[in-house]
């Protein structure tokens, strides 16, 4: 009579770690110095290849989170101001110089900073208004005199991820980013928001001399830093 053998499942394959441990158990002697050095060398190479990319990824994610949070929080504050005072207007005509800090201070306190969680907010000299937020970031507000035939001044906001290093004169696309108040949309937007991405890269961020549009590039990319972004590595 023909006997049919029952089919048995194959034994499970051992993992690489399991086979290594079995090999190690079968050896009854310690690692040689050469083996230890080779292992350490491999670990060093892997660390050298992976750690910089992990650091870059962490730094970029931190910047993305901070920029999106600032954009969201400050525009939520504006909406609260609208709900309390109605449409928000700004006196942007006939500003003949940079000495507008007193007006900026009163405008910001009325419509924006009263709704933010701040550590301090104060007027600096006759030109600037500074705000330190409770997460360690902050911004400097300044109103420039008109530079075209419209005779319209522009309220600029320089957002700094680390307020202790805030310097409006160094918009570097890493710590400091340039925003502005859009009088049509009644919002705080990255400067050059209406420019095409290619124009932003070529003229206002990637060229190394003018980084005023870096925040706009990140916003247009859904608040994600593009892979080829050069200033946060």
N, C-alpha and C. Protein backbone atom coordinates (compact mmCIF):
# COMPACT_ATOMS: atom_id res chain seq x y z
N UNK A 1 0.84 -1.20 0.00
CA UNK A 1 0.00 0.00 0.00
C UNK A 1 0.88 1.26 0.00
N UNK A 2 0.53 2.19 -0.85
CA UNK A 2 1.33 3.40 -0.97
C UNK A 2 1.11 4.29 0.25
N UNK A 3 2.22 4.65 0.88
CA UNK A 3 2.14 5.52 2.06
C UNK A 3 2.41 6.96 1.64
N UNK A 4 1.55 7.81 2.11
CA UNK A 4 1.68 9.24 1.80
C UNK A 4 2.21 9.94 3.05
N UNK A 5 3.36 10.53 2.87
CA UNK A 5 3.95 11.26 3.99
C UNK A 5 3.20 12.58 4.20
N UNK A 6 2.95 12.84 5.45
CA UNK A 6 2.31 14.12 5.77
C UNK A 6 3.30 15.26 5.53
N UNK A 7 2.76 16.34 5.00
CA UNK A 7 3.61 17.49 4.72
C UNK A 7 3.81 18.30 5.99
N UNK A 8 5.04 18.55 6.29
CA UNK A 8 5.37 19.34 7.47
C UNK A 8 5.87 20.72 7.01
N UNK A 9 5.45 21.75 7.73
CA UNK A 9 5.95 23.09 7.35
C UNK A 9 7.45 23.16 7.56
N UNK A 10 8.13 23.88 6.70
CA UNK A 10 9.58 24.01 6.87
C UNK A 10 9.90 24.73 8.17
N UNK A 11 11.02 24.40 8.75
CA UNK A 11 11.39 25.10 9.99
C UNK A 11 11.57 26.58 9.72
N UNK A 12 11.20 27.40 10.69
CA UNK A 12 11.33 28.85 10.48
C UNK A 12 12.78 29.25 10.28
N UNK A 13 12.98 30.21 9.38
CA UNK A 13 14.33 30.69 9.14
C UNK A 13 14.78 31.53 10.31
N UNK A 14 16.02 31.34 10.68
CA UNK A 14 16.57 32.11 11.79
C UNK A 14 16.98 33.50 11.28
N UNK A 15 16.75 34.46 12.14
CA UNK A 15 17.14 35.81 11.78
C UNK A 15 18.65 35.93 11.77
N UNK A 16 19.11 37.03 11.18
CA UNK A 16 20.55 37.29 11.14
C UNK A 16 21.12 37.37 12.55
N UNK A 17 20.36 38.00 13.43
CA UNK A 17 20.82 38.10 14.81
C UNK A 17 20.88 36.73 15.47
N UNK A 18 19.85 35.92 15.18
CA UNK A 18 19.83 34.57 15.76
C UNK A 18 21.00 33.73 15.29
N UNK A 19 21.31 33.80 13.98
CA UNK A 19 22.43 33.02 13.45
C UNK A 19 23.75 33.51 14.03
N UNK A 20 23.84 34.85 14.22
CA UNK A 20 25.07 35.40 14.80
C UNK A 20 25.25 34.91 16.24
N UNK A 21 24.15 34.94 16.99
CA UNK A 21 24.23 34.47 18.39
C UNK A 21 24.59 32.99 18.45
N UNK A 22 24.04 32.20 17.52
CA UNK A 22 24.36 30.77 17.49
C UNK A 22 25.82 30.54 17.17
N UNK A 23 26.31 31.33 16.19
CA UNK A 23 27.73 31.24 15.86
C UNK A 23 28.61 31.63 17.03
N UNK A 24 28.16 32.69 17.71
CA UNK A 24 28.93 33.17 18.86
C UNK A 24 28.95 32.12 19.96
N UNK A 25 27.83 31.43 20.14
CA UNK A 25 27.76 30.41 21.18
C UNK A 25 28.66 29.23 20.85
N UNK A 26 28.72 28.88 19.54
CA UNK A 26 29.54 27.75 19.15
C UNK A 26 31.02 28.04 19.30
N UNK A 27 31.36 29.30 19.18
CA UNK A 27 32.76 29.66 19.42
C UNK A 27 33.00 29.71 20.91
N UNK A 28 33.98 29.17 21.36
CA UNK A 28 34.27 29.17 22.79
C UNK A 28 35.47 30.04 23.10
N UNK A 29 35.61 31.05 22.31
CA UNK A 29 36.71 31.97 22.58
C UNK A 29 36.24 33.40 22.34
N UNK A 30 36.93 34.39 22.85
CA UNK A 30 36.55 35.80 22.75
C UNK A 30 36.87 36.35 21.38
N UNK A 31 36.35 37.56 21.11
CA UNK A 31 36.69 38.24 19.87
C UNK A 31 38.17 38.61 19.88
N UNK A 32 38.73 38.58 18.70
CA UNK A 32 40.11 39.04 18.58
C UNK A 32 40.12 40.56 18.49
N UNK A 33 41.25 41.17 18.71
CA UNK A 33 41.36 42.62 18.62
C UNK A 33 41.00 43.12 17.22
N UNK A 34 41.41 42.37 16.21
CA UNK A 34 41.11 42.76 14.84
C UNK A 34 39.60 42.79 14.60
N UNK A 35 38.89 41.80 15.13
CA UNK A 35 37.44 41.76 14.96
C UNK A 35 36.77 42.93 15.66
N UNK A 36 37.24 43.27 16.84
CA UNK A 36 36.68 44.41 17.57
C UNK A 36 36.90 45.70 16.79
N UNK A 37 38.13 45.88 16.27
CA UNK A 37 38.44 47.10 15.53
C UNK A 37 37.61 47.20 14.24
N UNK A 38 37.43 46.08 13.56
CA UNK A 38 36.62 46.08 12.34
C UNK A 38 35.18 46.46 12.66
N UNK A 39 34.64 45.88 13.75
CA UNK A 39 33.26 46.19 14.15
C UNK A 39 33.11 47.67 14.48
N UNK A 40 34.04 48.22 15.24
CA UNK A 40 33.99 49.64 15.60
C UNK A 40 34.10 50.52 14.36
N UNK A 41 34.94 50.09 13.42
CA UNK A 41 35.07 50.85 12.19
C UNK A 41 33.78 50.89 11.40
N UNK A 42 33.09 49.75 11.33
CA UNK A 42 31.81 49.69 10.61
C UNK A 42 30.79 50.60 11.29
N UNK A 43 30.73 50.53 12.63
CA UNK A 43 29.80 51.39 13.37
C UNK A 43 30.11 52.86 13.10
N UNK A 44 31.39 53.21 13.08
CA UNK A 44 31.78 54.59 12.82
C UNK A 44 31.36 55.07 11.45
N UNK A 45 31.53 54.21 10.43
CA UNK A 45 31.14 54.57 9.07
C UNK A 45 29.64 54.79 8.99
N UNK A 46 28.88 53.87 9.60
CA UNK A 46 27.41 54.01 9.57
C UNK A 46 26.98 55.29 10.27
N UNK A 47 27.59 55.59 11.41
CA UNK A 47 27.25 56.81 12.14
C UNK A 47 27.58 58.05 11.32
N UNK A 48 28.74 58.04 10.65
CA UNK A 48 29.13 59.19 9.84
C UNK A 48 28.18 59.43 8.68
N UNK A 49 27.58 58.35 8.18
CA UNK A 49 26.67 58.47 7.05
C UNK A 49 25.26 58.88 7.47
N UNK A 50 24.83 58.45 8.65
CA UNK A 50 23.43 58.64 9.05
C UNK A 50 23.20 59.84 9.96
N UNK A 51 24.14 60.14 10.86
CA UNK A 51 23.90 61.20 11.84
C UNK A 51 23.70 62.57 11.19
N UNK A 52 24.53 62.99 10.22
CA UNK A 52 24.27 64.31 9.60
C UNK A 52 22.89 64.43 8.98
N UNK A 53 22.43 63.37 8.32
CA UNK A 53 21.10 63.44 7.70
C UNK A 53 20.00 63.49 8.75
N UNK A 54 20.20 62.80 9.87
CA UNK A 54 19.22 62.84 10.95
C UNK A 54 19.18 64.23 11.58
N UNK A 55 20.35 64.84 11.75
CA UNK A 55 20.41 66.20 12.31
C UNK A 55 19.70 67.19 11.38
N UNK A 56 19.97 67.09 10.07
CA UNK A 56 19.33 67.97 9.10
C UNK A 56 17.81 67.79 9.13
N UNK A 57 17.38 66.54 9.18
CA UNK A 57 15.93 66.26 9.21
C UNK A 57 15.29 66.88 10.44
N UNK A 58 15.94 66.75 11.60
CA UNK A 58 15.40 67.32 12.84
C UNK A 58 15.34 68.83 12.76
N UNK A 59 16.41 69.46 12.26
CA UNK A 59 16.45 70.92 12.18
C UNK A 59 15.38 71.45 11.23
N UNK A 60 15.18 70.75 10.12
CA UNK A 60 14.17 71.19 9.15
C UNK A 60 12.76 71.02 9.72
N UNK A 61 12.52 69.91 10.39
CA UNK A 61 11.19 69.71 10.97
C UNK A 61 10.91 70.76 12.03
N UNK A 62 11.92 71.13 12.81
CA UNK A 62 11.74 72.17 13.82
C UNK A 62 11.39 73.50 13.17
N UNK A 63 12.10 73.85 12.09
CA UNK A 63 11.83 75.11 11.39
C UNK A 63 10.43 75.10 10.77
N UNK A 64 10.05 74.00 10.16
CA UNK A 64 8.72 73.89 9.56
C UNK A 64 7.63 74.10 10.60
N UNK A 65 7.79 73.45 11.76
CA UNK A 65 6.80 73.55 12.82
C UNK A 65 6.70 74.97 13.34
N UNK A 66 7.84 75.62 13.55
CA UNK A 66 7.84 76.98 14.08
C UNK A 66 7.22 77.97 13.10
N UNK A 67 7.58 77.87 11.83
CA UNK A 67 7.06 78.80 10.83
C UNK A 67 5.54 78.66 10.67
N UNK A 68 5.09 77.43 10.58
CA UNK A 68 3.65 77.20 10.44
C UNK A 68 2.90 77.68 11.68
N UNK A 69 3.48 77.42 12.85
CA UNK A 69 2.83 77.86 14.09
C UNK A 69 2.74 79.38 14.14
N UNK A 70 3.83 80.07 13.80
CA UNK A 70 3.81 81.53 13.83
C UNK A 70 2.76 82.08 12.88
N UNK A 71 2.75 81.58 11.65
CA UNK A 71 1.79 82.03 10.65
C UNK A 71 0.36 81.82 11.15
N UNK A 72 0.10 80.66 11.75
CA UNK A 72 -1.25 80.33 12.22
C UNK A 72 -1.64 81.20 13.41
N UNK A 73 -0.75 81.31 14.39
CA UNK A 73 -1.08 82.02 15.62
C UNK A 73 -1.27 83.51 15.39
N UNK A 74 -0.39 84.13 14.60
CA UNK A 74 -0.50 85.57 14.41
C UNK A 74 -1.73 85.92 13.57
N UNK A 75 -2.11 85.07 12.64
CA UNK A 75 -3.31 85.35 11.86
C UNK A 75 -4.58 85.03 12.64
N UNK A 76 -4.49 84.10 13.58
CA UNK A 76 -5.62 83.88 14.49
C UNK A 76 -5.83 85.12 15.36
N UNK A 77 -4.71 85.72 15.78
CA UNK A 77 -4.81 86.95 16.58
C UNK A 77 -5.49 88.06 15.78
N UNK A 78 -5.15 88.17 14.50
CA UNK A 78 -5.78 89.19 13.66
C UNK A 78 -7.28 88.93 13.55
N UNK A 79 -7.67 87.67 13.41
CA UNK A 79 -9.10 87.35 13.33
C UNK A 79 -9.81 87.72 14.63
N UNK A 80 -9.14 87.53 15.77
CA UNK A 80 -9.73 87.95 17.05
C UNK A 80 -9.88 89.47 17.09
N UNK A 81 -8.87 90.16 16.55
CA UNK A 81 -8.97 91.61 16.48
C UNK A 81 -10.13 92.06 15.61
N UNK A 82 -10.32 91.39 14.48
CA UNK A 82 -11.45 91.71 13.61
C UNK A 82 -12.78 91.49 14.32
N UNK A 83 -12.86 90.40 15.08
CA UNK A 83 -14.10 90.08 15.77
C UNK A 83 -14.43 91.15 16.82
N UNK A 84 -13.41 91.74 17.40
CA UNK A 84 -13.63 92.74 18.45
C UNK A 84 -13.79 94.14 17.89
N UNK A 85 -13.01 94.48 16.86
CA UNK A 85 -12.98 95.87 16.38
C UNK A 85 -13.56 96.06 14.98
N UNK A 86 -13.90 94.96 14.32
CA UNK A 86 -14.33 95.09 12.94
C UNK A 86 -13.13 95.05 12.01
N UNK A 87 -13.30 95.57 10.82
CA UNK A 87 -12.22 95.53 9.84
C UNK A 87 -10.99 96.28 10.34
N UNK A 88 -9.82 95.68 10.18
CA UNK A 88 -8.58 96.27 10.68
C UNK A 88 -7.94 97.11 9.58
N UNK A 89 -7.75 98.37 9.88
CA UNK A 89 -7.11 99.27 8.94
C UNK A 89 -5.77 99.72 9.50
N UNK A 90 -4.87 100.06 8.60
CA UNK A 90 -3.56 100.55 9.03
C UNK A 90 -3.24 101.83 8.25
N UNK A 91 -2.71 102.81 8.94
CA UNK A 91 -2.36 104.07 8.31
C UNK A 91 -1.03 103.90 7.56
N UNK A 92 -1.13 103.67 6.28
CA UNK A 92 0.07 103.36 5.51
C UNK A 92 0.40 104.45 4.48
N UNK A 93 -0.18 105.62 4.65
CA UNK A 93 0.10 106.71 3.73
C UNK A 93 0.95 107.79 4.41
N UNK A 94 1.76 108.44 3.59
CA UNK A 94 2.51 109.63 4.02
C UNK A 94 3.48 109.37 5.17
N UNK A 95 4.02 108.16 5.24
CA UNK A 95 5.08 107.88 6.21
C UNK A 95 6.40 108.27 5.55
N UNK A 96 7.00 109.33 5.99
CA UNK A 96 8.13 109.90 5.26
C UNK A 96 9.48 109.29 5.69
N UNK A 97 9.50 108.57 6.80
CA UNK A 97 10.77 107.99 7.24
C UNK A 97 10.49 106.69 7.99
N UNK A 98 11.50 106.19 8.70
CA UNK A 98 11.39 104.92 9.41
C UNK A 98 10.93 105.10 10.86
N UNK A 99 10.74 106.33 11.31
CA UNK A 99 10.43 106.59 12.71
C UNK A 99 8.95 106.41 12.99
N UNK A 100 8.50 105.16 12.89
CA UNK A 100 7.08 104.86 13.05
C UNK A 100 6.80 103.86 14.17
N UNK A 101 7.77 103.69 15.07
CA UNK A 101 7.63 102.66 16.11
C UNK A 101 6.47 102.95 17.05
N UNK A 102 6.22 104.20 17.35
CA UNK A 102 5.13 104.53 18.28
C UNK A 102 3.78 104.11 17.69
N UNK A 103 3.60 104.41 16.39
CA UNK A 103 2.35 104.01 15.74
C UNK A 103 2.26 102.48 15.64
N UNK A 104 3.35 101.83 15.23
CA UNK A 104 3.35 100.37 15.10
C UNK A 104 3.05 99.72 16.44
N UNK A 105 3.65 100.25 17.51
CA UNK A 105 3.44 99.69 18.83
C UNK A 105 1.97 99.74 19.23
N UNK A 106 1.33 100.89 19.05
CA UNK A 106 -0.09 101.01 19.43
C UNK A 106 -0.98 100.13 18.56
N UNK A 107 -0.67 100.07 17.26
CA UNK A 107 -1.46 99.25 16.32
C UNK A 107 -1.32 97.77 16.65
N UNK A 108 -0.08 97.31 16.88
CA UNK A 108 0.14 95.90 17.18
C UNK A 108 -0.49 95.51 18.52
N UNK A 109 -0.37 96.36 19.52
CA UNK A 109 -0.94 96.05 20.84
C UNK A 109 -2.46 95.97 20.78
N UNK A 110 -3.06 96.82 19.96
CA UNK A 110 -4.52 96.83 19.87
C UNK A 110 -5.06 95.63 19.12
N UNK A 111 -4.41 95.29 18.00
CA UNK A 111 -5.00 94.30 17.10
C UNK A 111 -4.36 92.91 17.17
N UNK A 112 -3.14 92.80 17.68
CA UNK A 112 -2.43 91.53 17.56
C UNK A 112 -1.86 91.01 18.88
N UNK A 113 -0.92 91.75 19.46
CA UNK A 113 -0.15 91.15 20.58
C UNK A 113 -0.99 90.89 21.82
N UNK A 114 -2.09 91.57 21.99
CA UNK A 114 -2.94 91.31 23.15
C UNK A 114 -3.54 89.91 23.10
N UNK A 115 -3.56 89.30 21.91
CA UNK A 115 -4.10 87.95 21.76
C UNK A 115 -3.01 86.88 21.69
N UNK A 116 -1.76 87.29 21.81
CA UNK A 116 -0.64 86.35 21.75
C UNK A 116 -0.10 86.08 23.15
N UNK A 117 0.56 84.94 23.30
CA UNK A 117 1.24 84.62 24.55
C UNK A 117 2.68 85.12 24.43
N UNK A 118 2.94 86.23 25.10
CA UNK A 118 4.23 86.89 24.95
C UNK A 118 4.99 86.93 26.26
N UNK A 119 6.31 87.03 26.13
CA UNK A 119 7.16 87.26 27.29
C UNK A 119 7.42 88.75 27.47
N UNK A 120 7.52 89.45 26.35
CA UNK A 120 7.65 90.90 26.40
C UNK A 120 7.28 91.48 25.05
N UNK A 121 6.85 92.73 25.08
CA UNK A 121 6.59 93.48 23.84
C UNK A 121 6.89 94.93 24.14
N UNK A 122 7.79 95.49 23.36
CA UNK A 122 8.23 96.85 23.67
C UNK A 122 8.72 97.57 22.43
N UNK A 123 8.60 98.87 22.48
CA UNK A 123 9.10 99.73 21.42
C UNK A 123 10.61 99.90 21.56
N UNK A 124 11.32 99.80 20.45
CA UNK A 124 12.76 100.00 20.44
C UNK A 124 13.09 101.25 19.64
N UNK A 125 13.68 102.23 20.30
CA UNK A 125 14.02 103.49 19.63
C UNK A 125 12.78 104.10 18.98
N UNK A 126 12.97 104.73 17.86
CA UNK A 126 11.83 105.34 17.16
C UNK A 126 11.38 104.50 15.97
N UNK A 127 12.06 103.37 15.74
CA UNK A 127 11.84 102.63 14.50
C UNK A 127 11.19 101.27 14.68
N UNK A 128 11.50 100.55 15.74
CA UNK A 128 11.14 99.14 15.82
C UNK A 128 10.20 98.84 16.99
N UNK A 129 9.45 97.77 16.81
CA UNK A 129 8.62 97.22 17.87
C UNK A 129 8.95 95.74 17.97
N UNK A 130 9.39 95.28 19.14
CA UNK A 130 9.83 93.90 19.33
C UNK A 130 8.83 93.13 20.19
N UNK A 131 8.67 91.86 19.84
CA UNK A 131 7.79 90.97 20.60
C UNK A 131 8.51 89.64 20.79
N UNK A 132 8.67 89.24 22.06
CA UNK A 132 9.23 87.93 22.39
C UNK A 132 8.07 87.00 22.76
N UNK A 133 7.93 85.90 22.04
CA UNK A 133 6.86 84.96 22.31
C UNK A 133 7.29 83.93 23.36
N UNK A 134 6.32 83.26 23.95
CA UNK A 134 6.65 82.39 25.08
C UNK A 134 7.28 81.07 24.67
N UNK A 135 7.42 80.81 23.37
CA UNK A 135 8.10 79.58 22.93
C UNK A 135 9.56 79.82 22.57
N UNK A 136 10.06 81.03 22.86
CA UNK A 136 11.46 81.35 22.57
C UNK A 136 11.67 82.05 21.25
N UNK A 137 10.64 82.09 20.42
CA UNK A 137 10.74 82.81 19.15
C UNK A 137 10.23 84.24 19.36
N UNK A 138 10.15 85.00 18.29
CA UNK A 138 9.64 86.36 18.40
C UNK A 138 9.74 87.08 17.07
N UNK A 139 9.45 88.37 17.09
CA UNK A 139 9.52 89.12 15.83
C UNK A 139 9.79 90.59 16.10
N UNK A 140 10.28 91.24 15.06
CA UNK A 140 10.50 92.69 15.05
C UNK A 140 9.61 93.27 13.96
N UNK A 141 8.85 94.30 14.30
CA UNK A 141 7.97 94.96 13.34
C UNK A 141 8.52 96.34 13.00
N UNK A 142 8.43 96.69 11.72
CA UNK A 142 8.94 97.97 11.26
C UNK A 142 8.11 98.42 10.05
N UNK A 143 7.87 99.71 9.95
CA UNK A 143 7.14 100.24 8.80
C UNK A 143 8.08 101.08 7.95
N UNK A 144 8.27 100.64 6.72
CA UNK A 144 9.16 101.35 5.81
C UNK A 144 8.43 102.51 5.14
N UNK A 145 9.15 103.56 4.79
CA UNK A 145 8.53 104.65 4.01
C UNK A 145 8.22 104.16 2.59
N UNK A 146 7.37 104.88 1.86
CA UNK A 146 7.02 104.45 0.50
C UNK A 146 8.24 104.39 -0.41
N UNK A 147 8.21 103.44 -1.34
CA UNK A 147 9.31 103.33 -2.30
C UNK A 147 8.81 103.31 -3.74
N UNK A 148 7.51 103.62 -3.95
CA UNK A 148 6.99 103.69 -5.32
C UNK A 148 5.95 104.80 -5.39
N UNK A 149 5.32 104.91 -6.54
CA UNK A 149 4.40 106.02 -6.79
C UNK A 149 3.09 105.90 -6.01
N UNK A 150 2.82 104.76 -5.39
CA UNK A 150 1.58 104.61 -4.63
C UNK A 150 1.60 105.37 -3.31
N UNK A 151 2.79 105.79 -2.89
CA UNK A 151 2.96 106.49 -1.61
C UNK A 151 2.45 105.66 -0.44
N UNK A 152 2.61 104.35 -0.56
CA UNK A 152 2.12 103.43 0.46
C UNK A 152 3.29 102.83 1.24
N UNK A 153 3.22 102.93 2.56
CA UNK A 153 4.22 102.30 3.41
C UNK A 153 3.86 100.84 3.62
N UNK A 154 4.84 100.07 4.04
CA UNK A 154 4.61 98.64 4.23
C UNK A 154 5.05 98.23 5.63
N UNK A 155 4.17 97.50 6.31
CA UNK A 155 4.50 96.98 7.63
C UNK A 155 5.19 95.63 7.44
N UNK A 156 6.44 95.56 7.85
CA UNK A 156 7.22 94.34 7.71
C UNK A 156 7.42 93.70 9.09
N UNK A 157 7.37 92.39 9.09
CA UNK A 157 7.56 91.63 10.32
C UNK A 157 8.67 90.61 10.08
N UNK A 158 9.70 90.70 10.89
CA UNK A 158 10.85 89.80 10.79
C UNK A 158 10.74 88.76 11.89
N UNK A 159 10.34 87.56 11.50
CA UNK A 159 10.13 86.48 12.48
C UNK A 159 11.45 85.75 12.73
N UNK A 160 11.75 85.54 14.00
CA UNK A 160 13.00 84.87 14.39
C UNK A 160 12.67 83.61 15.20
N UNK A 161 13.16 82.49 14.75
CA UNK A 161 12.92 81.24 15.46
C UNK A 161 13.55 81.26 16.84
N UNK A 162 14.70 81.87 16.95
CA UNK A 162 15.36 82.09 18.24
C UNK A 162 15.43 83.60 18.45
N UNK A 163 14.58 84.11 19.34
CA UNK A 163 14.48 85.56 19.49
C UNK A 163 15.77 86.17 20.02
N UNK A 164 16.55 85.40 20.76
CA UNK A 164 17.81 85.92 21.29
C UNK A 164 18.82 86.23 20.19
N UNK A 165 18.61 85.64 19.01
CA UNK A 165 19.49 85.89 17.88
C UNK A 165 18.80 86.71 16.80
N UNK A 166 17.75 87.41 17.18
CA UNK A 166 16.94 88.12 16.19
C UNK A 166 17.67 89.35 15.68
N UNK A 167 17.75 89.46 14.38
CA UNK A 167 18.38 90.61 13.74
C UNK A 167 17.69 90.84 12.40
N UNK A 168 16.90 91.90 12.32
CA UNK A 168 16.13 92.14 11.10
C UNK A 168 17.02 92.44 9.90
N UNK A 169 18.26 92.82 10.17
CA UNK A 169 19.19 93.14 9.08
C UNK A 169 19.84 91.89 8.48
N UNK A 170 19.60 90.74 9.12
CA UNK A 170 20.15 89.48 8.60
C UNK A 170 19.00 88.50 8.40
N UNK A 171 18.34 88.59 7.27
CA UNK A 171 17.27 87.65 6.92
C UNK A 171 17.95 86.48 6.22
N UNK A 172 18.23 85.42 7.00
CA UNK A 172 19.12 84.37 6.52
C UNK A 172 18.40 83.11 6.04
N UNK A 173 17.09 83.04 6.16
CA UNK A 173 16.39 81.83 5.74
C UNK A 173 16.65 80.65 6.63
N UNK A 174 17.23 80.90 7.79
CA UNK A 174 17.50 79.83 8.76
C UNK A 174 16.90 80.19 10.12
N UNK A 175 17.26 81.35 10.63
CA UNK A 175 16.67 81.80 11.90
C UNK A 175 15.66 82.93 11.66
N UNK A 176 15.94 83.81 10.71
CA UNK A 176 15.10 84.98 10.48
C UNK A 176 14.40 84.90 9.13
N UNK A 177 13.08 85.16 9.14
CA UNK A 177 12.26 85.08 7.93
C UNK A 177 11.40 86.35 7.83
N UNK A 178 11.15 86.76 6.58
CA UNK A 178 10.50 88.05 6.33
C UNK A 178 9.02 87.85 6.00
N UNK A 179 8.15 88.52 6.79
CA UNK A 179 6.71 88.53 6.56
C UNK A 179 6.26 89.98 6.38
N UNK A 180 5.02 90.15 5.93
CA UNK A 180 4.46 91.50 5.78
C UNK A 180 2.96 91.45 6.02
N UNK A 181 2.40 92.60 6.34
CA UNK A 181 0.95 92.70 6.50
C UNK A 181 0.32 93.04 5.17
N UNK A 182 -0.54 92.14 4.68
CA UNK A 182 -1.23 92.34 3.41
C UNK A 182 -2.51 93.11 3.68
N UNK A 183 -2.56 94.38 3.19
CA UNK A 183 -3.71 95.24 3.48
C UNK A 183 -4.96 94.82 2.73
N UNK A 184 -4.82 94.06 1.66
CA UNK A 184 -5.99 93.58 0.92
C UNK A 184 -6.63 92.38 1.60
N UNK A 185 -5.82 91.42 1.98
CA UNK A 185 -6.33 90.21 2.61
C UNK A 185 -6.42 90.32 4.12
N UNK A 186 -5.85 91.39 4.68
CA UNK A 186 -5.84 91.60 6.14
C UNK A 186 -5.23 90.40 6.84
N UNK A 187 -4.04 90.03 6.36
CA UNK A 187 -3.33 88.89 6.92
C UNK A 187 -1.83 89.18 6.97
N UNK A 188 -1.15 88.46 7.85
CA UNK A 188 0.30 88.45 7.83
C UNK A 188 0.73 87.33 6.90
N UNK A 189 1.48 87.67 5.86
CA UNK A 189 1.90 86.69 4.85
C UNK A 189 3.41 86.78 4.67
N UNK A 190 4.03 85.69 4.22
CA UNK A 190 5.44 85.78 3.84
C UNK A 190 5.64 86.80 2.73
N UNK A 191 6.72 87.54 2.80
CA UNK A 191 7.03 88.50 1.74
C UNK A 191 7.18 87.75 0.40
N UNK A 192 6.71 88.37 -0.67
CA UNK A 192 6.76 87.81 -2.03
C UNK A 192 5.85 86.59 -2.19
N UNK A 193 4.79 86.51 -1.40
CA UNK A 193 3.86 85.37 -1.51
C UNK A 193 3.31 85.20 -2.91
N UNK A 194 3.11 86.30 -3.63
CA UNK A 194 2.46 86.22 -4.94
C UNK A 194 3.42 85.92 -6.08
N UNK A 195 4.69 85.78 -5.78
CA UNK A 195 5.65 85.41 -6.82
C UNK A 195 5.59 83.92 -7.11
N UNK A 196 5.94 83.56 -8.33
CA UNK A 196 6.00 82.15 -8.70
C UNK A 196 7.17 81.47 -7.99
N UNK A 197 7.06 80.17 -7.69
CA UNK A 197 8.15 79.45 -7.01
C UNK A 197 9.50 79.58 -7.71
N UNK A 198 9.50 79.53 -9.03
CA UNK A 198 10.77 79.64 -9.75
C UNK A 198 11.40 81.01 -9.55
N UNK A 199 10.58 82.05 -9.54
CA UNK A 199 11.10 83.39 -9.30
C UNK A 199 11.59 83.54 -7.87
N UNK A 200 10.89 82.94 -6.92
CA UNK A 200 11.32 83.00 -5.52
C UNK A 200 12.69 82.36 -5.35
N UNK A 201 12.86 81.20 -5.94
CA UNK A 201 14.14 80.51 -5.81
C UNK A 201 15.28 81.31 -6.43
N UNK A 202 15.04 81.78 -7.63
CA UNK A 202 16.10 82.44 -8.39
C UNK A 202 16.46 83.81 -7.83
N UNK A 203 15.43 84.57 -7.41
CA UNK A 203 15.66 85.97 -7.06
C UNK A 203 15.57 86.30 -5.58
N UNK A 204 14.86 85.47 -4.80
CA UNK A 204 14.56 85.88 -3.43
C UNK A 204 14.88 84.83 -2.37
N UNK A 205 15.71 83.84 -2.70
CA UNK A 205 16.09 82.89 -1.66
C UNK A 205 17.36 82.12 -1.98
N UNK A 206 17.37 81.39 -3.08
CA UNK A 206 18.47 80.46 -3.34
C UNK A 206 19.74 81.14 -3.83
N UNK A 207 19.64 82.41 -4.26
CA UNK A 207 20.82 83.03 -4.88
C UNK A 207 21.89 83.44 -3.87
N UNK A 208 21.55 83.41 -2.58
CA UNK A 208 22.56 83.67 -1.56
C UNK A 208 22.70 85.12 -1.15
N UNK A 209 22.20 86.05 -1.95
CA UNK A 209 22.33 87.46 -1.61
C UNK A 209 21.01 88.05 -1.11
N UNK A 210 19.90 87.55 -1.60
CA UNK A 210 18.58 88.03 -1.19
C UNK A 210 17.75 86.83 -0.74
N UNK A 211 17.48 86.75 0.56
CA UNK A 211 16.74 85.61 1.11
C UNK A 211 15.38 86.05 1.65
N UNK A 212 14.86 87.14 1.13
CA UNK A 212 13.61 87.69 1.65
C UNK A 212 12.39 86.84 1.32
N UNK A 213 12.51 85.94 0.33
CA UNK A 213 11.36 85.13 -0.07
C UNK A 213 11.41 83.69 0.41
N UNK A 214 12.31 83.38 1.32
CA UNK A 214 12.46 81.98 1.77
C UNK A 214 11.21 81.48 2.49
N UNK A 215 10.59 82.33 3.31
CA UNK A 215 9.37 81.91 4.00
C UNK A 215 8.26 81.60 3.01
N UNK A 216 8.19 82.38 1.91
CA UNK A 216 7.16 82.14 0.89
C UNK A 216 7.37 80.80 0.21
N UNK A 217 8.62 80.44 -0.04
CA UNK A 217 8.92 79.14 -0.66
C UNK A 217 8.41 78.01 0.23
N UNK A 218 8.67 78.11 1.52
CA UNK A 218 8.27 77.05 2.44
C UNK A 218 6.75 77.00 2.56
N UNK A 219 6.10 78.15 2.63
CA UNK A 219 4.64 78.17 2.71
C UNK A 219 4.00 77.56 1.47
N UNK A 220 4.53 77.92 0.28
CA UNK A 220 3.99 77.38 -0.96
C UNK A 220 4.19 75.88 -1.08
N UNK A 221 5.13 75.34 -0.31
CA UNK A 221 5.38 73.89 -0.30
C UNK A 221 4.66 73.22 0.87
N UNK A 222 3.52 73.83 1.25
CA UNK A 222 2.69 73.30 2.34
C UNK A 222 3.46 73.25 3.66
N UNK A 223 4.24 74.30 3.89
CA UNK A 223 5.05 74.43 5.10
C UNK A 223 6.03 73.27 5.28
N UNK A 224 6.54 72.79 4.17
CA UNK A 224 7.61 71.79 4.17
C UNK A 224 8.81 72.38 3.45
N UNK A 225 9.98 72.21 4.04
CA UNK A 225 11.19 72.73 3.42
C UNK A 225 11.57 71.84 2.23
N UNK A 226 11.72 72.40 1.03
CA UNK A 226 12.08 71.57 -0.13
C UNK A 226 13.42 70.86 0.06
N UNK A 227 13.57 69.73 -0.60
CA UNK A 227 14.80 68.94 -0.45
C UNK A 227 16.04 69.73 -0.86
N UNK A 228 15.89 70.61 -1.85
CA UNK A 228 17.07 71.36 -2.33
C UNK A 228 17.25 72.69 -1.62
N UNK A 229 16.51 72.93 -0.55
CA UNK A 229 16.63 74.19 0.20
C UNK A 229 18.03 74.30 0.79
N UNK A 230 18.75 75.39 0.53
CA UNK A 230 20.17 75.42 0.85
C UNK A 230 20.56 75.93 2.24
N UNK A 231 19.62 76.51 3.00
CA UNK A 231 20.03 77.26 4.18
C UNK A 231 19.83 76.55 5.50
N UNK A 232 19.19 75.41 5.53
CA UNK A 232 19.06 74.62 6.77
C UNK A 232 19.57 73.23 6.47
N UNK A 233 20.78 72.94 6.95
CA UNK A 233 21.43 71.65 6.69
C UNK A 233 21.82 70.98 7.99
